[in-house]
Amino acid sequence: MTYELVDGNALAGIFTELLSRDATMIQAECGACGATAPLATTTVERDEFAVIVRCRGCTHTLLTILNEPAGSRLVIGAVRSLVL
């Protein structure tokens, strides 16, 4: 098996494809309880500072989006995988 070693610019196409989809249909797998469900079925807490995405099954935090002066920050929590 061979692989190609490139820099982070190679992520541009991958992230563009991932984020240009209907995010509510992305399947999130919880690393805490193993449940897999569309993001649309998660529980979301939000205010002006943050959006917290929780697993509906076990309430662990899957993702957090922080609203900061310099932009948004995505913090990965218990999400094991995201599948289009």
PDB file of N, CA and C in Angstrom:
ATOM      1  N   MET A   1       0.849  -1.175   0.000  1.00  0.00           N
ATOM      2  CA  MET A   1       0.000   0.000   0.000  1.00  0.00           C
ATOM      3  C   MET A   1       0.898   1.243   0.000  1.00  0.00           C
ATOM      4  N   THR A   2       0.583   2.170  -0.859  1.00  0.00           N
ATOM      5  CA  THR A   2       1.337   3.418  -0.902  1.00  0.00           C
ATOM      6  C   THR A   2       0.412   4.564  -0.540  1.00  0.00           C
ATOM      7  N   TYR A   3       1.007   5.626  -0.090  1.00  0.00           N
ATOM      8  CA  TYR A   3       0.235   6.818   0.233  1.00  0.00           C
ATOM      9  C   TYR A   3       1.006   8.040  -0.219  1.00  0.00           C
ATOM     10  N   GLU A   4       0.291   9.133  -0.295  1.00  0.00           N
ATOM     11  CA  GLU A   4       0.879  10.390  -0.716  1.00  0.00           C
ATOM     12  C   GLU A   4       0.907  11.325   0.482  1.00  0.00           C
ATOM     13  N   LEU A   5       2.031  11.909   0.794  1.00  0.00           N
ATOM     14  CA  LEU A   5       2.164  12.842   1.890  1.00  0.00           C
ATOM     15  C   LEU A   5       2.066  14.255   1.327  1.00  0.00           C
ATOM     16  N   VAL A   6       1.021  14.977   1.735  1.00  0.00           N
ATOM     17  CA  VAL A   6       0.788  16.339   1.249  1.00  0.00           C
ATOM     18  C   VAL A   6       0.519  17.238   2.451  1.00  0.00           C
ATOM     19  N   ASP A   7       0.368  18.529   2.209  1.00  0.00           N
ATOM     20  CA  ASP A   7       0.083  19.436   3.321  1.00  0.00           C
ATOM     21  C   ASP A   7      -1.426  19.606   3.519  1.00  0.00           C
ATOM     22  N   GLY A   8      -1.789  20.401   4.504  1.00  0.00           N
ATOM     23  CA  GLY A   8      -3.178  20.586   4.880  1.00  0.00           C
ATOM     24  C   GLY A   8      -4.059  21.217   3.814  1.00  0.00           C
ATOM     25  N   ASN A   9      -3.482  21.781   2.758  1.00  0.00           N
ATOM     26  CA  ASN A   9      -4.295  22.334   1.676  1.00  0.00           C
ATOM     27  C   ASN A   9      -5.136  21.260   0.998  1.00  0.00           C
ATOM     28  N   ALA A  10      -4.736  20.018   1.135  1.00  0.00           N
ATOM     29  CA  ALA A  10      -5.489  18.917   0.550  1.00  0.00           C
ATOM     30  C   ALA A  10      -6.856  18.754   1.207  1.00  0.00           C
ATOM     31  N   LEU A  11      -7.037  19.347   2.375  1.00  0.00           N
ATOM     32  CA  LEU A  11      -8.318  19.254   3.088  1.00  0.00           C
ATOM     33  C   LEU A  11      -9.395  20.169   2.505  1.00  0.00           C
ATOM     34  N   ALA A  12      -9.001  21.132   1.694  1.00  0.00           N
ATOM     35  CA  ALA A  12      -9.954  22.115   1.184  1.00  0.00           C
ATOM     36  C   ALA A  12     -11.136  21.462   0.482  1.00  0.00           C
ATOM     37  N   GLY A  13     -10.870  20.558  -0.424  1.00  0.00           N
ATOM     38  CA  GLY A  13     -11.953  19.903  -1.153  1.00  0.00           C
ATOM     39  C   GLY A  13     -12.800  19.021  -0.264  1.00  0.00           C
ATOM     40  N   ILE A  14     -12.151  18.320   0.662  1.00  0.00           N
ATOM     41  CA  ILE A  14     -12.880  17.426   1.556  1.00  0.00           C
ATOM     42  C   ILE A  14     -13.833  18.217   2.446  1.00  0.00           C
ATOM     43  N   PHE A  15     -13.347  19.297   3.070  1.00  0.00           N
ATOM     44  CA  PHE A  15     -14.203  20.086   3.945  1.00  0.00           C
ATOM     45  C   PHE A  15     -15.277  20.833   3.169  1.00  0.00           C
ATOM     46  N   THR A  16     -14.962  21.276   1.955  1.00  0.00           N
ATOM     47  CA  THR A  16     -15.977  21.936   1.133  1.00  0.00           C
ATOM     48  C   THR A  16     -17.105  20.972   0.822  1.00  0.00           C
ATOM     49  N   GLU A  17     -16.765  19.746   0.480  1.00  0.00           N
ATOM     50  CA  GLU A  17     -17.791  18.744   0.196  1.00  0.00           C
ATOM     51  C   GLU A  17     -18.610  18.436   1.442  1.00  0.00           C
ATOM     52  N   LEU A  18     -17.941  18.272   2.563  1.00  0.00           N
ATOM     53  CA  LEU A  18     -18.626  17.950   3.813  1.00  0.00           C
ATOM     54  C   LEU A  18     -19.584  19.063   4.230  1.00  0.00           C
ATOM     55  N   LEU A  19     -19.133  20.301   4.153  1.00  0.00           N
ATOM     56  CA  LEU A  19     -19.927  21.419   4.657  1.00  0.00           C
ATOM     57  C   LEU A  19     -20.930  21.965   3.659  1.00  0.00           C
ATOM     58  N   SER A  20     -20.859  21.546   2.402  1.00  0.00           N
ATOM     59  CA  SER A  20     -21.806  22.056   1.415  1.00  0.00           C
ATOM     60  C   SER A  20     -23.062  21.184   1.340  1.00  0.00           C
ATOM     61  N   ARG A  21     -23.139  20.177   2.154  1.00  0.00           N
ATOM     62  CA  ARG A  21     -24.296  19.284   2.196  1.00  0.00           C
ATOM     63  C   ARG A  21     -25.308  19.772   3.220  1.00  0.00           C
ATOM     64  N   ASP A  22     -26.478  19.172   3.207  1.00  0.00           N
ATOM     65  CA  ASP A  22     -27.470  19.434   4.233  1.00  0.00           C
ATOM     66  C   ASP A  22     -26.967  18.812   5.529  1.00  0.00           C
ATOM     67  N   ALA A  23     -26.471  19.644   6.428  1.00  0.00           N
ATOM     68  CA  ALA A  23     -25.840  19.147   7.652  1.00  0.00           C
ATOM     69  C   ALA A  23     -26.799  18.348   8.524  1.00  0.00           C
ATOM     70  N   THR A  24     -28.084  18.594   8.416  1.00  0.00           N
ATOM     71  CA  THR A  24     -29.042  17.872   9.261  1.00  0.00           C
ATOM     72  C   THR A  24     -29.098  16.395   8.928  1.00  0.00           C
ATOM     73  N   MET A  25     -28.666  16.028   7.725  1.00  0.00           N
ATOM     74  CA  MET A  25     -28.708  14.624   7.309  1.00  0.00           C
ATOM     75  C   MET A  25     -27.389  13.886   7.541  1.00  0.00           C
ATOM     76  N   ILE A  26     -26.369  14.587   7.999  1.00  0.00           N
ATOM     77  CA  ILE A  26     -25.102  13.932   8.309  1.00  0.00           C
ATOM     78  C   ILE A  26     -25.317  13.007   9.499  1.00  0.00           C
ATOM     79  N   GLN A  27     -24.887  11.764   9.366  1.00  0.00           N
ATOM     80  CA  GLN A  27     -25.029  10.772  10.436  1.00  0.00           C
ATOM     81  C   GLN A  27     -23.882  10.949  11.424  1.00  0.00           C
ATOM     82  N   ALA A  28     -24.226  11.150  12.681  1.00  0.00           N
ATOM     83  CA  ALA A  28     -23.220  11.291  13.736  1.00  0.00           C
ATOM     84  C   ALA A  28     -23.251  10.045  14.612  1.00  0.00           C
ATOM     85  N   GLU A  29     -22.079   9.479  14.842  1.00  0.00           N
ATOM     86  CA  GLU A  29     -21.970   8.334  15.743  1.00  0.00           C
ATOM     87  C   GLU A  29     -21.398   8.815  17.065  1.00  0.00           C
ATOM     88  N   CYS A  30     -22.081   8.534  18.152  1.00  0.00           N
ATOM     89  CA  CYS A  30     -21.640   8.938  19.481  1.00  0.00           C
ATOM     90  C   CYS A  30     -20.564   7.975  19.975  1.00  0.00           C
ATOM     91  N   GLY A  31     -19.437   8.516  20.378  1.00  0.00           N
ATOM     92  CA  GLY A  31     -18.360   7.698  20.906  1.00  0.00           C
ATOM     93  C   GLY A  31     -18.620   7.204  22.318  1.00  0.00           C
ATOM     94  N   ALA A  32     -19.599   7.792  22.982  1.00  0.00           N
ATOM     95  CA  ALA A  32     -19.906   7.389  24.353  1.00  0.00           C
ATOM     96  C   ALA A  32     -20.853   6.197  24.404  1.00  0.00           C
ATOM     97  N   CYS A  33     -21.951   6.263  23.634  1.00  0.00           N
ATOM     98  CA  CYS A  33     -22.953   5.185  23.716  1.00  0.00           C
ATOM     99  C   CYS A  33     -23.080   4.368  22.432  1.00  0.00           C
ATOM    100  N   GLY A  34     -22.467   4.834  21.336  1.00  0.00           N
ATOM    101  CA  GLY A  34     -22.507   4.096  20.083  1.00  0.00           C
ATOM    102  C   GLY A  34     -23.710   4.369  19.207  1.00  0.00           C
ATOM    103  N   ALA A  35     -24.630   5.213  19.672  1.00  0.00           N
ATOM    104  CA  ALA A  35     -25.815   5.533  18.866  1.00  0.00           C
ATOM    105  C   ALA A  35     -25.399   6.284  17.606  1.00  0.00           C
ATOM    106  N   THR A  36     -26.069   5.981  16.495  1.00  0.00           N
ATOM    107  CA  THR A  36     -25.846   6.682  15.242  1.00  0.00           C
ATOM    108  C   THR A  36     -27.176   7.242  14.775  1.00  0.00           C
ATOM    109  N   ALA A  37     -27.195   8.544  14.470  1.00  0.00           N
ATOM    110  CA  ALA A  37     -28.429   9.211  14.058  1.00  0.00           C
ATOM    111  C   ALA A  37     -28.085  10.485  13.295  1.00  0.00           C
ATOM    112  N   PRO A  38     -29.022  10.982  12.491  1.00  0.00           N
ATOM    113  CA  PRO A  38     -28.784  12.250  11.791  1.00  0.00           C
ATOM    114  C   PRO A  38     -28.614  13.397  12.788  1.00  0.00           C
ATOM    115  N   LEU A  39     -27.798  14.378  12.430  1.00  0.00           N
ATOM    116  CA  LEU A  39     -27.630  15.544  13.299  1.00  0.00           C
ATOM    117  C   LEU A  39     -28.957  16.224  13.611  1.00  0.00           C
ATOM    118  N   ALA A  40     -29.923  16.094  12.712  1.00  0.00           N
ATOM    119  CA  ALA A  40     -31.232  16.716  12.940  1.00  0.00           C
ATOM    120  C   ALA A  40     -31.924  16.180  14.186  1.00  0.00           C
ATOM    121  N   THR A  41     -31.546  14.994  14.633  1.00  0.00           N
ATOM    122  CA  THR A  41     -32.212  14.398  15.794  1.00  0.00           C
ATOM    123  C   THR A  41     -31.468  14.637  17.098  1.00  0.00           C
ATOM    124  N   THR A  42     -30.348  15.332  17.051  1.00  0.00           N
ATOM    125  CA  THR A  42     -29.605  15.614  18.270  1.00  0.00           C
ATOM    126  C   THR A  42     -30.328  16.673  19.098  1.00  0.00           C
ATOM    127  N   THR A  43     -29.883  16.861  20.315  1.00  0.00           N
ATOM    128  CA  THR A  43     -30.369  17.940  21.167  1.00  0.00           C
ATOM    129  C   THR A  43     -29.352  19.069  21.083  1.00  0.00           C
ATOM    130  N   VAL A  44     -29.828  20.291  20.843  1.00  0.00           N
ATOM    131  CA  VAL A  44     -28.926  21.427  20.674  1.00  0.00           C
ATOM    132  C   VAL A  44     -29.260  22.507  21.703  1.00  0.00           C
ATOM    133  N   GLU A  45     -28.241  22.921  22.436  1.00  0.00           N
ATOM    134  CA  GLU A  45     -28.357  24.056  23.352  1.00  0.00           C
ATOM    135  C   GLU A  45     -27.601  25.206  22.703  1.00  0.00           C
ATOM    136  N   ARG A  46     -28.205  26.378  22.673  1.00  0.00           N
ATOM    137  CA  ARG A  46     -27.500  27.495  22.039  1.00  0.00           C
ATOM    138  C   ARG A  46     -27.785  28.802  22.743  1.00  0.00           C
ATOM    139  N   ASP A  47     -26.795  29.667  22.709  1.00  0.00           N
ATOM    140  CA  ASP A  47     -26.937  31.040  23.155  1.00  0.00           C
ATOM    141  C   ASP A  47     -26.008  31.876  22.280  1.00  0.00           C
ATOM    142  N   GLU A  48     -25.753  33.107  22.657  1.00  0.00           N
ATOM    143  CA  GLU A  48     -24.944  33.975  21.806  1.00  0.00           C
ATOM    144  C   GLU A  48     -23.466  33.582  21.781  1.00  0.00           C
ATOM    145  N   PHE A  49     -23.036  32.746  22.717  1.00  0.00           N
ATOM    146  CA  PHE A  49     -21.628  32.384  22.815  1.00  0.00           C
ATOM    147  C   PHE A  49     -21.291  31.017  22.224  1.00  0.00           C
ATOM    148  N   ALA A  50     -22.256  30.103  22.249  1.00  0.00           N
ATOM    149  CA  ALA A  50     -21.923  28.741  21.843  1.00  0.00           C
ATOM    150  C   ALA A  50     -23.156  27.972  21.383  1.00  0.00           C
ATOM    151  N   VAL A  51     -22.881  26.922  20.609  1.00  0.00           N
ATOM    152  CA  VAL A  51     -23.884  25.928  20.225  1.00  0.00           C
ATOM    153  C   VAL A  51     -23.320  24.588  20.701  1.00  0.00           C
ATOM    154  N   ILE A  52     -24.085  23.892  21.532  1.00  0.00           N
ATOM    155  CA  ILE A  52     -23.653  22.608  22.070  1.00  0.00           C
ATOM    156  C   ILE A  52     -24.564  21.531  21.498  1.00  0.00           C
ATOM    157  N   VAL A  53     -23.975  20.568  20.804  1.00  0.00           N
ATOM    158  CA  VAL A  53     -24.722  19.481  20.159  1.00  0.00           C
ATOM    159  C   VAL A  53     -24.555  18.230  21.010  1.00  0.00           C
ATOM    160  N   ARG A  54     -25.675  17.695  21.510  1.00  0.00           N
ATOM    161  CA  ARG A  54     -25.634  16.539  22.414  1.00  0.00           C
ATOM    162  C   ARG A  54     -26.313  15.324  21.796  1.00  0.00           C
ATOM    163  N   CYS A  55     -25.820  14.163  22.151  1.00  0.00           N
ATOM    164  CA  CYS A  55     -26.436  12.907  21.751  1.00  0.00           C
ATOM    165  C   CYS A  55     -27.791  12.786  22.441  1.00  0.00           C
ATOM    166  N   ARG A  56     -28.818  12.488  21.684  1.00  0.00           N
ATOM    167  CA  ARG A  56     -30.141  12.343  22.275  1.00  0.00           C
ATOM    168  C   ARG A  56     -30.219  11.090  23.156  1.00  0.00           C
ATOM    169  N   GLY A  57     -29.388  10.098  22.862  1.00  0.00           N
ATOM    170  CA  GLY A  57     -29.425   8.853  23.622  1.00  0.00           C
ATOM    171  C   GLY A  57     -28.807   8.956  25.006  1.00  0.00           C
ATOM    172  N   CYS A  58     -27.609   9.576  25.097  1.00  0.00           N
ATOM    173  CA  CYS A  58     -26.899   9.590  26.383  1.00  0.00           C
ATOM    174  C   CYS A  58     -26.555  10.990  26.875  1.00  0.00           C
ATOM    175  N   THR A  59     -26.853  12.009  26.114  1.00  0.00           N
ATOM    176  CA  THR A  59     -26.626  13.435  26.414  1.00  0.00           C
ATOM    177  C   THR A  59     -25.162  13.873  26.442  1.00  0.00           C
ATOM    178  N   HIS A  60     -24.222  12.999  26.035  1.00  0.00           N
ATOM    179  CA  HIS A  60     -22.832  13.450  25.927  1.00  0.00           C
ATOM    180  C   HIS A  60     -22.724  14.522  24.848  1.00  0.00           C
ATOM    181  N   THR A  61     -21.794  15.443  25.017  1.00  0.00           N
ATOM    182  CA  THR A  61     -21.567  16.494  24.038  1.00  0.00           C
ATOM    183  C   THR A  61     -20.823  15.922  22.835  1.00  0.00           C
ATOM    184  N   LEU A  62     -21.460  15.999  21.662  1.00  0.00           N
ATOM    185  CA  LEU A  62     -20.840  15.518  20.427  1.00  0.00           C
ATOM    186  C   LEU A  62     -19.914  16.566  19.837  1.00  0.00           C
ATOM    187  N   LEU A  63     -20.410  17.789  19.732  1.00  0.00           N
ATOM    188  CA  LEU A  63     -19.685  18.901  19.129  1.00  0.00           C
ATOM    189  C   LEU A  63     -20.047  20.182  19.863  1.00  0.00           C
ATOM    190  N   THR A  64     -19.142  21.137  19.863  1.00  0.00           N
ATOM    191  CA  THR A  64     -19.437  22.473  20.372  1.00  0.00           C
ATOM    192  C   THR A  64     -18.912  23.470  19.348  1.00  0.00           C
ATOM    193  N   ILE A  65     -19.719  24.465  19.049  1.00  0.00           N
ATOM    194  CA  ILE A  65     -19.288  25.552  18.166  1.00  0.00           C
ATOM    195  C   ILE A  65     -19.262  26.809  19.012  1.00  0.00           C
ATOM    196  N   LEU A  66     -18.089  27.386  19.156  1.00  0.00           N
ATOM    197  CA  LEU A  66     -17.915  28.587  19.956  1.00  0.00           C
ATOM    198  C   LEU A  66     -17.889  29.802  19.044  1.00  0.00           C
ATOM    199  N   ASN A  67     -18.646  30.820  19.386  1.00  0.00           N
ATOM    200  CA  ASN A  67     -18.659  32.075  18.638  1.00  0.00           C
ATOM    201  C   ASN A  67     -17.660  33.016  19.294  1.00  0.00           C
ATOM    202  N   GLU A  68     -16.543  33.238  18.620  1.00  0.00           N
ATOM    203  CA  GLU A  68     -15.473  34.067  19.153  1.00  0.00           C
ATOM    204  C   GLU A  68     -15.299  35.305  18.277  1.00  0.00           C
ATOM    205  N   PRO A  69     -14.701  36.354  18.804  1.00  0.00           N
ATOM    206  CA  PRO A  69     -14.504  37.575  18.013  1.00  0.00           C
ATOM    207  C   PRO A  69     -13.775  37.316  16.689  1.00  0.00           C
ATOM    208  N   ALA A  70     -12.842  36.380  16.688  1.00  0.00           N
ATOM    209  CA  ALA A  70     -12.071  36.100  15.474  1.00  0.00           C
ATOM    210  C   ALA A  70     -12.799  35.159  14.521  1.00  0.00           C
ATOM    211  N   GLY A  71     -13.938  34.601  14.943  1.00  0.00           N
ATOM    212  CA  GLY A  71     -14.674  33.663  14.098  1.00  0.00           C
ATOM    213  C   GLY A  71     -15.201  32.512  14.927  1.00  0.00           C
ATOM    214  N   SER A  72     -15.651  31.490  14.249  1.00  0.00           N
ATOM    215  CA  SER A  72     -16.215  30.329  14.933  1.00  0.00           C
ATOM    216  C   SER A  72     -15.139  29.272  15.155  1.00  0.00           C
ATOM    217  N   ARG A  73     -15.259  28.571  16.282  1.00  0.00           N
ATOM    218  CA  ARG A  73     -14.332  27.481  16.619  1.00  0.00           C
ATOM    219  C   ARG A  73     -15.149  26.213  16.828  1.00  0.00           C
ATOM    220  N   LEU A  74     -14.775  25.153  16.136  1.00  0.00           N
ATOM    221  CA  LEU A  74     -15.430  23.860  16.272  1.00  0.00           C
ATOM    222  C   LEU A  74     -14.607  22.998  17.221  1.00  0.00           C
ATOM    223  N   VAL A  75     -15.251  22.519  18.288  1.00  0.00           N
ATOM    224  CA  VAL A  75     -14.584  21.669  19.258  1.00  0.00           C
ATOM    225  C   VAL A  75     -15.226  20.283  19.156  1.00  0.00           C
ATOM    226  N   ILE A  76     -14.418  19.298  18.853  1.00  0.00           N
ATOM    227  CA  ILE A  76     -14.914  17.927  18.718  1.00  0.00           C
ATOM    228  C   ILE A  76     -15.026  17.309  20.105  1.00  0.00           C
ATOM    229  N   GLY A  77     -16.181  16.756  20.388  1.00  0.00           N
ATOM    230  CA  GLY A  77     -16.402  16.110  21.674  1.00  0.00           C
ATOM    231  C   GLY A  77     -16.468  14.604  21.498  1.00  0.00           C
ATOM    232  N   ALA A  78     -17.597  14.005  21.881  1.00  0.00           N
ATOM    233  CA  ALA A  78     -17.752  12.557  21.875  1.00  0.00           C
ATOM    234  C   ALA A  78     -18.130  11.989  20.508  1.00  0.00           C
ATOM    235  N   VAL A  79     -18.190  12.826  19.480  1.00  0.00           N
ATOM    236  CA  VAL A  79     -18.547  12.290  18.163  1.00  0.00           C
ATOM    237  C   VAL A  79     -17.421  11.384  17.670  1.00  0.00           C
ATOM    238  N   ARG A  80     -17.780  10.158  17.331  1.00  0.00           N
ATOM    239  CA  ARG A  80     -16.791   9.187  16.841  1.00  0.00           C
ATOM    240  C   ARG A  80     -16.611   9.319  15.339  1.00  0.00           C
ATOM    241  N   SER A  81     -17.726   9.571  14.622  1.00  0.00           N
ATOM    242  CA  SER A  81     -17.632   9.736  13.174  1.00  0.00           C
ATOM    243  C   SER A  81     -18.811  10.544  12.664  1.00  0.00           C
ATOM    244  N   LEU A  82     -18.593  11.160  11.527  1.00  0.00           N
ATOM    245  CA  LEU A  82     -19.642  11.866  10.782  1.00  0.00           C
ATOM    246  C   LEU A  82     -19.662  11.268   9.392  1.00  0.00           C
ATOM    247  N   VAL A  83     -20.847  10.822   8.941  1.00  0.00           N
ATOM    248  CA  VAL A  83     -20.960  10.152   7.651  1.00  0.00           C
ATOM    249  C   VAL A  83     -21.988  10.883   6.801  1.00  0.00           C
ATOM    250  N   LEU A  84     -21.596  11.192   5.554  1.00  0.00           N
ATOM    251  CA  LEU A  84     -22.511  11.870   4.637  1.00  0.00           C
ATOM    252  C   LEU A  84     -23.573  10.915   4.157  1.00  0.00           C
TER     253      LEU A  84
END
